[in-house]
Amino acid sequence: MTKVVFLRRDGVYYGFREQGHTGYGEAGDDVLCAALSAMTMLIINAAEVAYASDVEYTIDEETTNISVVCRSALPEFEEDERKRYAVSGLFLAYYYQLNDLLEEYYDFLEIDVVDE
């Protein structure tokens, strides 16, 4: 099972941590794992390139520990309100997408939110 914990401060999503293999399919053929990986990289690339934001991330494929944090979503790190809204929107969209996936893949995925 993969557990994804979203980081939120004052209602603003700014990061997440993922841990564990989904176990939905064999390694290399796990479509759920592939979807999570693709969405994670989309968020990293969009925040870094499209929104010119610093993204702190680690991806350990062996332990399946992934951490992605983009403080540009928070007002104390970014003055531009539109940029904060856009960056936070990436993380919020991922949260909603994973909740949609829970309907079908509830045995393989767990989602939580931590308010900091």
PDB file of N, CA and C in Angstrom:
ATOM      1  N   MET A   1       0.838  -1.178   0.000  1.00  0.00           N
ATOM      2  CA  MET A   1       0.000   0.000   0.000  1.00  0.00           C
ATOM      3  C   MET A   1       0.883   1.240   0.000  1.00  0.00           C
ATOM      4  N   THR A   2       0.451   2.239  -0.727  1.00  0.00           N
ATOM      5  CA  THR A   2       1.135   3.530  -0.728  1.00  0.00           C
ATOM      6  C   THR A   2       0.340   4.490   0.142  1.00  0.00           C
ATOM      7  N   LYS A   3       1.042   5.136   1.053  1.00  0.00           N
ATOM      8  CA  LYS A   3       0.417   6.153   1.890  1.00  0.00           C
ATOM      9  C   LYS A   3       0.946   7.507   1.454  1.00  0.00           C
ATOM     10  N   VAL A   4       0.025   8.434   1.213  1.00  0.00           N
ATOM     11  CA  VAL A   4       0.388   9.793   0.829  1.00  0.00           C
ATOM     12  C   VAL A   4      -0.130  10.728   1.911  1.00  0.00           C
ATOM     13  N   VAL A   5       0.770  11.494   2.490  1.00  0.00           N
ATOM     14  CA  VAL A   5       0.415  12.467   3.520  1.00  0.00           C
ATOM     15  C   VAL A   5       0.682  13.858   2.963  1.00  0.00           C
ATOM     16  N   PHE A   6      -0.376  14.646   2.853  1.00  0.00           N
ATOM     17  CA  PHE A   6      -0.263  16.011   2.338  1.00  0.00           C
ATOM     18  C   PHE A   6       0.044  16.969   3.474  1.00  0.00           C
ATOM     19  N   LEU A   7       0.874  17.957   3.166  1.00  0.00           N
ATOM     20  CA  LEU A   7       1.240  18.989   4.127  1.00  0.00           C
ATOM     21  C   LEU A   7       0.400  20.229   3.848  1.00  0.00           C
ATOM     22  N   ARG A   8      -0.204  20.764   4.907  1.00  0.00           N
ATOM     23  CA  ARG A   8      -1.087  21.916   4.754  1.00  0.00           C
ATOM     24  C   ARG A   8      -0.862  22.871   5.921  1.00  0.00           C
ATOM     25  N   ARG A   9      -0.838  24.150   5.594  1.00  0.00           N
ATOM     26  CA  ARG A   9      -0.734  25.181   6.636  1.00  0.00           C
ATOM     27  C   ARG A   9      -1.766  26.266   6.340  1.00  0.00           C
ATOM     28  N   ASP A  10      -2.593  26.543   7.322  1.00  0.00           N
ATOM     29  CA  ASP A  10      -3.644  27.562   7.178  1.00  0.00           C
ATOM     30  C   ASP A  10      -4.482  27.331   5.928  1.00  0.00           C
ATOM     31  N   GLY A  11      -4.781  26.063   5.644  1.00  0.00           N
ATOM     32  CA  GLY A  11      -5.609  25.710   4.502  1.00  0.00           C
ATOM     33  C   GLY A  11      -4.881  25.643   3.174  1.00  0.00           C
ATOM     34  N   VAL A  12      -3.583  25.906   3.178  1.00  0.00           N
ATOM     35  CA  VAL A  12      -2.789  25.938   1.948  1.00  0.00           C
ATOM     36  C   VAL A  12      -1.971  24.652   1.842  1.00  0.00           C
ATOM     37  N   TYR A  13      -2.168  23.912   0.769  1.00  0.00           N
ATOM     38  CA  TYR A  13      -1.392  22.702   0.493  1.00  0.00           C
ATOM     39  C   TYR A  13      -0.059  23.111  -0.119  1.00  0.00           C
ATOM     40  N   TYR A  14       1.038  22.573   0.438  1.00  0.00           N
ATOM     41  CA  TYR A  14       2.351  22.968  -0.069  1.00  0.00           C
ATOM     42  C   TYR A  14       3.325  21.799  -0.220  1.00  0.00           C
ATOM     43  N   GLY A  15       2.879  20.578   0.013  1.00  0.00           N
ATOM     44  CA  GLY A  15       3.781  19.443  -0.148  1.00  0.00           C
ATOM     45  C   GLY A  15       3.111  18.136   0.206  1.00  0.00           C
ATOM     46  N   PHE A  16       3.868  17.056   0.062  1.00  0.00           N
ATOM     47  CA  PHE A  16       3.379  15.725   0.417  1.00  0.00           C
ATOM     48  C   PHE A  16       4.546  14.778   0.616  1.00  0.00           C
ATOM     49  N   ARG A  17       4.247  13.675   1.288  1.00  0.00           N
ATOM     50  CA  ARG A  17       5.190  12.571   1.461  1.00  0.00           C
ATOM     51  C   ARG A  17       4.476  11.298   1.006  1.00  0.00           C
ATOM     52  N   GLU A  18       5.160  10.492   0.240  1.00  0.00           N
ATOM     53  CA  GLU A  18       4.617   9.203  -0.212  1.00  0.00           C
ATOM     54  C   GLU A  18       5.531   8.104   0.306  1.00  0.00           C
ATOM     55  N   GLN A  19       4.911   6.993   0.691  1.00  0.00           N
ATOM     56  CA  GLN A  19       5.721   5.873   1.175  1.00  0.00           C
ATOM     57  C   GLN A  19       5.025   4.563   0.844  1.00  0.00           C
ATOM     58  N   GLY A  20       5.806   3.611   0.379  1.00  0.00           N
ATOM     59  CA  GLY A  20       5.319   2.261   0.158  1.00  0.00           C
ATOM     60  C   GLY A  20       4.956   1.959  -1.284  1.00  0.00           C
ATOM     61  N   HIS A  21       5.053   0.682  -1.622  1.00  0.00           N
ATOM     62  CA  HIS A  21       4.633   0.203  -2.937  1.00  0.00           C
ATOM     63  C   HIS A  21       3.125  -0.014  -2.918  1.00  0.00           C
ATOM     64  N   THR A  22       2.459   0.298  -4.012  1.00  0.00           N
ATOM     65  CA  THR A  22       1.008   0.122  -4.045  1.00  0.00           C
ATOM     66  C   THR A  22       0.621  -1.346  -3.948  1.00  0.00           C
ATOM     67  N   GLY A  23       1.393  -2.201  -4.595  1.00  0.00           N
ATOM     68  CA  GLY A  23       1.065  -3.623  -4.582  1.00  0.00           C
ATOM     69  C   GLY A  23      -0.073  -3.987  -5.514  1.00  0.00           C
ATOM     70  N   TYR A  24      -0.460  -3.062  -6.371  1.00  0.00           N
ATOM     71  CA  TYR A  24      -1.561  -3.318  -7.291  1.00  0.00           C
ATOM     72  C   TYR A  24      -1.165  -4.295  -8.398  1.00  0.00           C
ATOM     73  N   GLY A  25       0.086  -4.213  -8.837  1.00  0.00           N
ATOM     74  CA  GLY A  25       0.571  -5.093  -9.906  1.00  0.00           C
ATOM     75  C   GLY A  25       2.020  -5.461  -9.659  1.00  0.00           C
ATOM     76  N   GLU A  26       2.539  -6.288 -10.549  1.00  0.00           N
ATOM     77  CA  GLU A  26       3.948  -6.681 -10.467  1.00  0.00           C
ATOM     78  C   GLU A  26       4.840  -5.472 -10.728  1.00  0.00           C
ATOM     79  N   ALA A  27       6.010  -5.469 -10.109  1.00  0.00           N
ATOM     80  CA  ALA A  27       6.967  -4.385 -10.321  1.00  0.00           C
ATOM     81  C   ALA A  27       7.224  -4.223 -11.818  1.00  0.00           C
ATOM     82  N   GLY A  28       7.126  -3.004 -12.286  1.00  0.00           N
ATOM     83  CA  GLY A  28       7.305  -2.710 -13.701  1.00  0.00           C
ATOM     84  C   GLY A  28       6.007  -2.734 -14.491  1.00  0.00           C
ATOM     85  N   ASP A  29       4.963  -3.345 -13.936  1.00  0.00           N
ATOM     86  CA  ASP A  29       3.662  -3.406 -14.608  1.00  0.00           C
ATOM     87  C   ASP A  29       2.540  -2.854 -13.728  1.00  0.00           C
ATOM     88  N   ASP A  30       2.886  -2.132 -12.692  1.00  0.00           N
ATOM     89  CA  ASP A  30       1.903  -1.608 -11.749  1.00  0.00           C
ATOM     90  C   ASP A  30       1.397  -0.255 -12.260  1.00  0.00           C
ATOM     91  N   VAL A  31       0.197  -0.247 -12.831  1.00  0.00           N
ATOM     92  CA  VAL A  31      -0.339   0.979 -13.425  1.00  0.00           C
ATOM     93  C   VAL A  31      -0.633   2.047 -12.374  1.00  0.00           C
ATOM     94  N   LEU A  32      -1.003   1.637 -11.180  1.00  0.00           N
ATOM     95  CA  LEU A  32      -1.262   2.621 -10.118  1.00  0.00           C
ATOM     96  C   LEU A  32       0.035   3.292  -9.698  1.00  0.00           C
ATOM     97  N   CYS A  33       1.072   2.526  -9.536  1.00  0.00           N
ATOM     98  CA  CYS A  33       2.387   3.073  -9.194  1.00  0.00           C
ATOM     99  C   CYS A  33       2.866   4.027 -10.294  1.00  0.00           C
ATOM    100  N   ALA A  34       2.677   3.623 -11.534  1.00  0.00           N
ATOM    101  CA  ALA A  34       3.080   4.466 -12.666  1.00  0.00           C
ATOM    102  C   ALA A  34       2.307   5.784 -12.664  1.00  0.00           C
ATOM    103  N   ALA A  35       1.027   5.724 -12.350  1.00  0.00           N
ATOM    104  CA  ALA A  35       0.212   6.942 -12.309  1.00  0.00           C
ATOM    105  C   ALA A  35       0.703   7.878 -11.204  1.00  0.00           C
ATOM    106  N   LEU A  36       0.984   7.332 -10.025  1.00  0.00           N
ATOM    107  CA  LEU A  36       1.475   8.163  -8.920  1.00  0.00           C
ATOM    108  C   LEU A  36       2.820   8.794  -9.272  1.00  0.00           C
ATOM    109  N   SER A  37       3.691   8.018  -9.884  1.00  0.00           N
ATOM    110  CA  SER A  37       5.003   8.537 -10.278  1.00  0.00           C
ATOM    111  C   SER A  37       4.873   9.657 -11.299  1.00  0.00           C
ATOM    112  N   ALA A  38       4.013   9.462 -12.279  1.00  0.00           N
ATOM    113  CA  ALA A  38       3.820  10.480 -13.312  1.00  0.00           C
ATOM    114  C   ALA A  38       3.241  11.766 -12.722  1.00  0.00           C
ATOM    115  N   MET A  39       2.258  11.633 -11.835  1.00  0.00           N
ATOM    116  CA  MET A  39       1.659  12.824 -11.231  1.00  0.00           C
ATOM    117  C   MET A  39       2.653  13.544 -10.326  1.00  0.00           C
ATOM    118  N   THR A  40       3.474  12.795  -9.610  1.00  0.00           N
ATOM    119  CA  THR A  40       4.488  13.401  -8.749  1.00  0.00           C
ATOM    120  C   THR A  40       5.473  14.212  -9.578  1.00  0.00           C
ATOM    121  N   MET A  41       5.950  13.644 -10.664  1.00  0.00           N
ATOM    122  CA  MET A  41       6.908  14.359 -11.514  1.00  0.00           C
ATOM    123  C   MET A  41       6.257  15.559 -12.198  1.00  0.00           C
ATOM    124  N   LEU A  42       4.990  15.457 -12.551  1.00  0.00           N
ATOM    125  CA  LEU A  42       4.278  16.595 -13.129  1.00  0.00           C
ATOM    126  C   LEU A  42       4.262  17.766 -12.151  1.00  0.00           C
ATOM    127  N   ILE A  43       3.975  17.495 -10.895  1.00  0.00           N
ATOM    128  CA  ILE A  43       3.934  18.554  -9.887  1.00  0.00           C
ATOM    129  C   ILE A  43       5.310  19.185  -9.703  1.00  0.00           C
ATOM    130  N   ILE A  44       6.333  18.361  -9.596  1.00  0.00           N
ATOM    131  CA  ILE A  44       7.691  18.889  -9.436  1.00  0.00           C
ATOM    132  C   ILE A  44       8.069  19.759 -10.624  1.00  0.00           C
ATOM    133  N   ASN A  45       7.878  19.251 -11.828  1.00  0.00           N
ATOM    134  CA  ASN A  45       8.262  19.996 -13.028  1.00  0.00           C
ATOM    135  C   ASN A  45       7.429  21.259 -13.216  1.00  0.00           C
ATOM    136  N   ALA A  46       6.142  21.189 -12.961  1.00  0.00           N
ATOM    137  CA  ALA A  46       5.284  22.365 -13.118  1.00  0.00           C
ATOM    138  C   ALA A  46       5.687  23.463 -12.132  1.00  0.00           C
ATOM    139  N   ALA A  47       5.913  23.096 -10.881  1.00  0.00           N
ATOM    140  CA  ALA A  47       6.299  24.095  -9.881  1.00  0.00           C
ATOM    141  C   ALA A  47       7.655  24.706 -10.215  1.00  0.00           C
ATOM    142  N   GLU A  48       8.616  23.866 -10.587  1.00  0.00           N
ATOM    143  CA  GLU A  48       9.971  24.353 -10.871  1.00  0.00           C
ATOM    144  C   GLU A  48      10.050  25.162 -12.160  1.00  0.00           C
ATOM    145  N   VAL A  49       9.451  24.639 -13.225  1.00  0.00           N
ATOM    146  CA  VAL A  49       9.625  25.254 -14.534  1.00  0.00           C
ATOM    147  C   VAL A  49       8.534  26.288 -14.832  1.00  0.00           C
ATOM    148  N   ALA A  50       7.283  25.874 -14.750  1.00  0.00           N
ATOM    149  CA  ALA A  50       6.193  26.777 -15.121  1.00  0.00           C
ATOM    150  C   ALA A  50       6.038  27.926 -14.131  1.00  0.00           C
ATOM    151  N   TYR A  51       6.274  27.653 -12.832  1.00  0.00           N
ATOM    152  CA  TYR A  51       6.074  28.686 -11.820  1.00  0.00           C
ATOM    153  C   TYR A  51       7.374  29.182 -11.202  1.00  0.00           C
ATOM    154  N   ALA A  52       8.501  28.755 -11.738  1.00  0.00           N
ATOM    155  CA  ALA A  52       9.825  29.206 -11.296  1.00  0.00           C
ATOM    156  C   ALA A  52       9.956  29.208  -9.777  1.00  0.00           C
ATOM    157  N   SER A  53       9.579  28.099  -9.175  1.00  0.00           N
ATOM    158  CA  SER A  53       9.615  27.968  -7.720  1.00  0.00           C
ATOM    159  C   SER A  53      10.633  26.916  -7.306  1.00  0.00           C
ATOM    160  N   ASP A  54      11.214  27.127  -6.158  1.00  0.00           N
ATOM    161  CA  ASP A  54      12.127  26.129  -5.604  1.00  0.00           C
ATOM    162  C   ASP A  54      11.316  24.977  -5.023  1.00  0.00           C
ATOM    163  N   VAL A  55      11.665  23.770  -5.419  1.00  0.00           N
ATOM    164  CA  VAL A  55      10.996  22.583  -4.919  1.00  0.00           C
ATOM    165  C   VAL A  55      12.048  21.719  -4.243  1.00  0.00           C
ATOM    166  N   GLU A  56      11.793  21.399  -2.984  1.00  0.00           N
ATOM    167  CA  GLU A  56      12.663  20.482  -2.256  1.00  0.00           C
ATOM    168  C   GLU A  56      12.057  19.094  -2.411  1.00  0.00           C
ATOM    169  N   TYR A  57      12.804  18.179  -3.010  1.00  0.00           N
ATOM    170  CA  TYR A  57      12.254  16.831  -3.162  1.00  0.00           C
ATOM    171  C   TYR A  57      13.344  15.781  -3.059  1.00  0.00           C
ATOM    172  N   THR A  58      12.928  14.639  -2.550  1.00  0.00           N
ATOM    173  CA  THR A  58      13.786  13.462  -2.519  1.00  0.00           C
ATOM    174  C   THR A  58      12.956  12.294  -3.009  1.00  0.00           C
ATOM    175  N   ILE A  59      13.574  11.476  -3.814  1.00  0.00           N
ATOM    176  CA  ILE A  59      12.920  10.288  -4.333  1.00  0.00           C
ATOM    177  C   ILE A  59      13.875   9.122  -4.126  1.00  0.00           C
ATOM    178  N   ASP A  60      13.512   8.214  -3.241  1.00  0.00           N
ATOM    179  CA  ASP A  60      14.313   7.029  -2.968  1.00  0.00           C
ATOM    180  C   ASP A  60      13.535   5.829  -3.500  1.00  0.00           C
ATOM    181  N   GLU A  61      13.892   5.388  -4.689  1.00  0.00           N
ATOM    182  CA  GLU A  61      13.162   4.300  -5.339  1.00  0.00           C
ATOM    183  C   GLU A  61      13.288   2.979  -4.586  1.00  0.00           C
ATOM    184  N   GLU A  62      14.406   2.793  -3.897  1.00  0.00           N
ATOM    185  CA  GLU A  62      14.606   1.541  -3.173  1.00  0.00           C
ATOM    186  C   GLU A  62      13.665   1.422  -1.962  1.00  0.00           C
ATOM    187  N   THR A  63      13.560   2.510  -1.187  1.00  0.00           N
ATOM    188  CA  THR A  63      12.692   2.480  -0.005  1.00  0.00           C
ATOM    189  C   THR A  63      11.286   2.980  -0.306  1.00  0.00           C
ATOM    190  N   THR A  64      11.085   3.492  -1.504  1.00  0.00           N
ATOM    191  CA  THR A  64       9.823   4.106  -1.941  1.00  0.00           C
ATOM    192  C   THR A  64       9.398   5.272  -1.054  1.00  0.00           C
ATOM    193  N   ASN A  65      10.364   5.998  -0.533  1.00  0.00           N
ATOM    194  CA  ASN A  65      10.075   7.213   0.212  1.00  0.00           C
ATOM    195  C   ASN A  65      10.250   8.414  -0.712  1.00  0.00           C
ATOM    196  N   ILE A  66       9.218   9.212  -0.814  1.00  0.00           N
ATOM    197  CA  ILE A  66       9.231  10.397  -1.655  1.00  0.00           C
ATOM    198  C   ILE A  66       8.753  11.569  -0.812  1.00  0.00           C
ATOM    199  N   SER A  67       9.446  12.681  -0.918  1.00  0.00           N
ATOM    200  CA  SER A  67       9.055  13.899  -0.229  1.00  0.00           C
ATOM    201  C   SER A  67       9.120  15.043  -1.226  1.00  0.00           C
ATOM    202  N   VAL A  68       8.054  15.831  -1.293  1.00  0.00           N
ATOM    203  CA  VAL A  68       8.003  16.985  -2.189  1.00  0.00           C
ATOM    204  C   VAL A  68       7.443  18.163  -1.392  1.00  0.00           C
ATOM    205  N   VAL A  69       8.218  19.241  -1.314  1.00  0.00           N
ATOM    206  CA  VAL A  69       7.790  20.436  -0.594  1.00  0.00           C
ATOM    207  C   VAL A  69       8.108  21.659  -1.442  1.00  0.00           C
ATOM    208  N   CYS A  70       7.106  22.524  -1.595  1.00  0.00           N
ATOM    209  CA  CYS A  70       7.300  23.773  -2.321  1.00  0.00           C
ATOM    210  C   CYS A  70       6.731  24.902  -1.467  1.00  0.00           C
ATOM    211  N   ARG A  71       7.614  25.576  -0.762  1.00  0.00           N
ATOM    212  CA  ARG A  71       7.188  26.621   0.166  1.00  0.00           C
ATOM    213  C   ARG A  71       6.698  27.881  -0.544  1.00  0.00           C
ATOM    214  N   SER A  72       6.832  27.940  -1.857  1.00  0.00           N
ATOM    215  CA  SER A  72       6.315  29.081  -2.616  1.00  0.00           C
ATOM    216  C   SER A  72       4.803  29.186  -2.536  1.00  0.00           C
ATOM    217  N   ALA A  73       4.159  28.158  -2.037  1.00  0.00           N
ATOM    218  CA  ALA A  73       2.707  28.209  -1.850  1.00  0.00           C
ATOM    219  C   ALA A  73       2.342  28.995  -0.586  1.00  0.00           C
ATOM    220  N   LEU A  74       3.319  29.280   0.254  1.00  0.00           N
ATOM    221  CA  LEU A  74       3.065  29.922   1.541  1.00  0.00           C
ATOM    222  C   LEU A  74       3.443  31.403   1.503  1.00  0.00           C
ATOM    223  N   PRO A  75       2.626  32.263   2.110  1.00  0.00           N
ATOM    224  CA  PRO A  75       2.858  33.711   2.027  1.00  0.00           C
ATOM    225  C   PRO A  75       4.178  34.174   2.626  1.00  0.00           C
ATOM    226  N   GLU A  76       4.696  33.483   3.625  1.00  0.00           N
ATOM    227  CA  GLU A  76       5.960  33.926   4.213  1.00  0.00           C
ATOM    228  C   GLU A  76       7.170  33.632   3.319  1.00  0.00           C
ATOM    229  N   PHE A  77       6.958  32.850   2.248  1.00  0.00           N
ATOM    230  CA  PHE A  77       8.051  32.513   1.333  1.00  0.00           C
ATOM    231  C   PHE A  77       7.873  33.108  -0.061  1.00  0.00           C
ATOM    232  N   GLU A  78       6.679  33.576  -0.381  1.00  0.00           N
ATOM    233  CA  GLU A  78       6.404  34.094  -1.731  1.00  0.00           C
ATOM    234  C   GLU A  78       5.448  35.279  -1.635  1.00  0.00           C
ATOM    235  N   GLU A  79       5.877  36.423  -2.174  1.00  0.00           N
ATOM    236  CA  GLU A  79       5.044  37.627  -2.141  1.00  0.00           C
ATOM    237  C   GLU A  79       3.928  37.608  -3.179  1.00  0.00           C
ATOM    238  N   ASP A  80       4.185  37.019  -4.326  1.00  0.00           N
ATOM    239  CA  ASP A  80       3.225  37.032  -5.434  1.00  0.00           C
ATOM    240  C   ASP A  80       2.048  36.104  -5.132  1.00  0.00           C
ATOM    241  N   GLU A  81       0.896  36.687  -4.879  1.00  0.00           N
ATOM    242  CA  GLU A  81      -0.284  35.914  -4.506  1.00  0.00           C
ATOM    243  C   GLU A  81      -0.709  34.949  -5.611  1.00  0.00           C
ATOM    244  N   ARG A  82      -0.599  35.364  -6.862  1.00  0.00           N
ATOM    245  CA  ARG A  82      -0.985  34.485  -7.983  1.00  0.00           C
ATOM    246  C   ARG A  82      -0.081  33.266  -8.058  1.00  0.00           C
ATOM    247  N   LYS A  83       1.188  33.468  -7.811  1.00  0.00           N
ATOM    248  CA  LYS A  83       2.130  32.356  -7.828  1.00  0.00           C
ATOM    249  C   LYS A  83       1.832  31.386  -6.678  1.00  0.00           C
ATOM    250  N   ARG A  84       1.564  31.935  -5.496  1.00  0.00           N
ATOM    251  CA  ARG A  84       1.215  31.077  -4.357  1.00  0.00           C
ATOM    252  C   ARG A  84      -0.025  30.250  -4.666  1.00  0.00           C
ATOM    253  N   TYR A  85      -1.021  30.897  -5.227  1.00  0.00           N
ATOM    254  CA  TYR A  85      -2.273  30.222  -5.555  1.00  0.00           C
ATOM    255  C   TYR A  85      -2.041  29.106  -6.578  1.00  0.00           C
ATOM    256  N   ALA A  86      -1.231  29.381  -7.585  1.00  0.00           N
ATOM    257  CA  ALA A  86      -0.946  28.390  -8.627  1.00  0.00           C
ATOM    258  C   ALA A  86      -0.190  27.188  -8.062  1.00  0.00           C
ATOM    259  N   VAL A  87       0.837  27.441  -7.266  1.00  0.00           N
ATOM    260  CA  VAL A  87       1.636  26.352  -6.705  1.00  0.00           C
ATOM    261  C   VAL A  87       0.788  25.512  -5.756  1.00  0.00           C
ATOM    262  N   SER A  88       0.057  26.159  -4.880  1.00  0.00           N
ATOM    263  CA  SER A  88      -0.810  25.421  -3.960  1.00  0.00           C
ATOM    264  C   SER A  88      -1.850  24.615  -4.727  1.00  0.00           C
ATOM    265  N   GLY A  89      -2.330  25.180  -5.824  1.00  0.00           N
ATOM    266  CA  GLY A  89      -3.318  24.488  -6.657  1.00  0.00           C
ATOM    267  C   GLY A  89      -2.808  23.171  -7.210  1.00  0.00           C
ATOM    268  N   LEU A  90      -1.521  23.083  -7.496  1.00  0.00           N
ATOM    269  CA  LEU A  90      -0.942  21.824  -7.964  1.00  0.00           C
ATOM    270  C   LEU A  90      -1.099  20.733  -6.913  1.00  0.00           C
ATOM    271  N   PHE A  91      -0.768  21.084  -5.679  1.00  0.00           N
ATOM    272  CA  PHE A  91      -0.857  20.103  -4.597  1.00  0.00           C
ATOM    273  C   PHE A  91      -2.308  19.762  -4.271  1.00  0.00           C
ATOM    274  N   LEU A  92      -3.171  20.758  -4.306  1.00  0.00           N
ATOM    275  CA  LEU A  92      -4.589  20.511  -4.046  1.00  0.00           C
ATOM    276  C   LEU A  92      -5.187  19.626  -5.137  1.00  0.00           C
ATOM    277  N   ALA A  93      -4.812  19.859  -6.385  1.00  0.00           N
ATOM    278  CA  ALA A  93      -5.305  19.032  -7.486  1.00  0.00           C
ATOM    279  C   ALA A  93      -4.862  17.580  -7.320  1.00  0.00           C
ATOM    280  N   TYR A  94      -3.625  17.372  -6.883  1.00  0.00           N
ATOM    281  CA  TYR A  94      -3.129  16.020  -6.644  1.00  0.00           C
ATOM    282  C   TYR A  94      -3.922  15.355  -5.520  1.00  0.00           C
ATOM    283  N   TYR A  95      -4.202  16.109  -4.473  1.00  0.00           N
ATOM    284  CA  TYR A  95      -5.006  15.600  -3.363  1.00  0.00           C
ATOM    285  C   TYR A  95      -6.382  15.131  -3.867  1.00  0.00           C
ATOM    286  N   TYR A  96      -7.037  15.953  -4.658  1.00  0.00           N
ATOM    287  CA  TYR A  96      -8.354  15.573  -5.184  1.00  0.00           C
ATOM    288  C   TYR A  96      -8.271  14.385  -6.146  1.00  0.00           C
ATOM    289  N   GLN A  97      -7.231  14.358  -6.966  1.00  0.00           N
ATOM    290  CA  GLN A  97      -7.066  13.249  -7.906  1.00  0.00           C
ATOM    291  C   GLN A  97      -6.878  11.931  -7.159  1.00  0.00           C
ATOM    292  N   LEU A  98      -6.072  11.947  -6.110  1.00  0.00           N
ATOM    293  CA  LEU A  98      -5.861  10.726  -5.333  1.00  0.00           C
ATOM    294  C   LEU A  98      -7.136  10.299  -4.613  1.00  0.00           C
ATOM    295  N   ASN A  99      -7.910  11.255  -4.149  1.00  0.00           N
ATOM    296  CA  ASN A  99      -9.184  10.902  -3.522  1.00  0.00           C
ATOM    297  C   ASN A  99     -10.130  10.253  -4.526  1.00  0.00           C
ATOM    298  N   ASP A 100     -10.100  10.697  -5.774  1.00  0.00           N
ATOM    299  CA  ASP A 100     -10.887  10.034  -6.819  1.00  0.00           C
ATOM    300  C   ASP A 100     -10.401   8.601  -7.034  1.00  0.00           C
ATOM    301  N   LEU A 101      -9.087   8.409  -7.030  1.00  0.00           N
ATOM    302  CA  LEU A 101      -8.527   7.071  -7.218  1.00  0.00           C
ATOM    303  C   LEU A 101      -8.879   6.128  -6.066  1.00  0.00           C
ATOM    304  N   LEU A 102      -9.105   6.687  -4.883  1.00  0.00           N
ATOM    305  CA  LEU A 102      -9.458   5.865  -3.725  1.00  0.00           C
ATOM    306  C   LEU A 102     -10.727   5.053  -3.958  1.00  0.00           C
ATOM    307  N   GLU A 103     -11.634   5.578  -4.765  1.00  0.00           N
ATOM    308  CA  GLU A 103     -12.889   4.869  -5.022  1.00  0.00           C
ATOM    309  C   GLU A 103     -12.637   3.478  -5.596  1.00  0.00           C
ATOM    310  N   GLU A 104     -11.636   3.361  -6.448  1.00  0.00           N
ATOM    311  CA  GLU A 104     -11.343   2.072  -7.075  1.00  0.00           C
ATOM    312  C   GLU A 104     -10.176   1.338  -6.434  1.00  0.00           C
ATOM    313  N   TYR A 105      -9.219   2.079  -5.903  1.00  0.00           N
ATOM    314  CA  TYR A 105      -7.976   1.476  -5.420  1.00  0.00           C
ATOM    315  C   TYR A 105      -7.817   1.593  -3.903  1.00  0.00           C
ATOM    316  N   TYR A 106      -8.894   1.534  -3.163  1.00  0.00           N
ATOM    317  CA  TYR A 106      -8.858   1.741  -1.710  1.00  0.00           C
ATOM    318  C   TYR A 106      -8.006   0.718  -0.970  1.00  0.00           C
ATOM    319  N   ASP A 107      -7.784  -0.446  -1.542  1.00  0.00           N
ATOM    320  CA  ASP A 107      -6.931  -1.457  -0.896  1.00  0.00           C
ATOM    321  C   ASP A 107      -5.444  -1.190  -1.109  1.00  0.00           C
ATOM    322  N   PHE A 108      -5.122  -0.232  -1.968  1.00  0.00           N
ATOM    323  CA  PHE A 108      -3.735  -0.013  -2.361  1.00  0.00           C
ATOM    324  C   PHE A 108      -3.227   1.398  -2.070  1.00  0.00           C
ATOM    325  N   LEU A 109      -4.114   2.260  -1.561  1.00  0.00           N
ATOM    326  CA  LEU A 109      -3.788   3.664  -1.414  1.00  0.00           C
ATOM    327  C   LEU A 109      -4.424   4.225  -0.153  1.00  0.00           C
ATOM    328  N   GLU A 110      -3.656   5.023   0.580  1.00  0.00           N
ATOM    329  CA  GLU A 110      -4.170   5.705   1.766  1.00  0.00           C
ATOM    330  C   GLU A 110      -3.743   7.165   1.686  1.00  0.00           C
ATOM    331  N   ILE A 111      -4.655   8.060   2.029  1.00  0.00           N
ATOM    332  CA  ILE A 111      -4.384   9.487   1.939  1.00  0.00           C
ATOM    333  C   ILE A 111      -4.696  10.150   3.274  1.00  0.00           C
ATOM    334  N   ASP A 112      -3.828  11.068   3.668  1.00  0.00           N
ATOM    335  CA  ASP A 112      -4.039  11.807   4.905  1.00  0.00           C
ATOM    336  C   ASP A 112      -3.546  13.236   4.695  1.00  0.00           C
ATOM    337  N   VAL A 113      -3.940  14.116   5.602  1.00  0.00           N
ATOM    338  CA  VAL A 113      -3.505  15.505   5.575  1.00  0.00           C
ATOM    339  C   VAL A 113      -2.993  15.854   6.966  1.00  0.00           C
ATOM    340  N   VAL A 114      -1.833  16.513   6.995  1.00  0.00           N
ATOM    341  CA  VAL A 114      -1.263  16.973   8.246  1.00  0.00           C
ATOM    342  C   VAL A 114      -1.253  18.498   8.216  1.00  0.00           C
ATOM    343  N   ASP A 115      -1.892  19.090   9.211  1.00  0.00           N
ATOM    344  CA  ASP A 115      -1.866  20.546   9.341  1.00  0.00           C
ATOM    345  C   ASP A 115      -0.678  20.938  10.205  1.00  0.00           C
ATOM    346  N   GLU A 116       0.155  21.806   9.660  1.00  0.00           N
ATOM    347  CA  GLU A 116       1.367  22.237  10.395  1.00  0.00           C
ATOM    348  C   GLU A 116       1.259  23.687  10.762  1.00  0.00           C
TER     349      GLU A 116
END
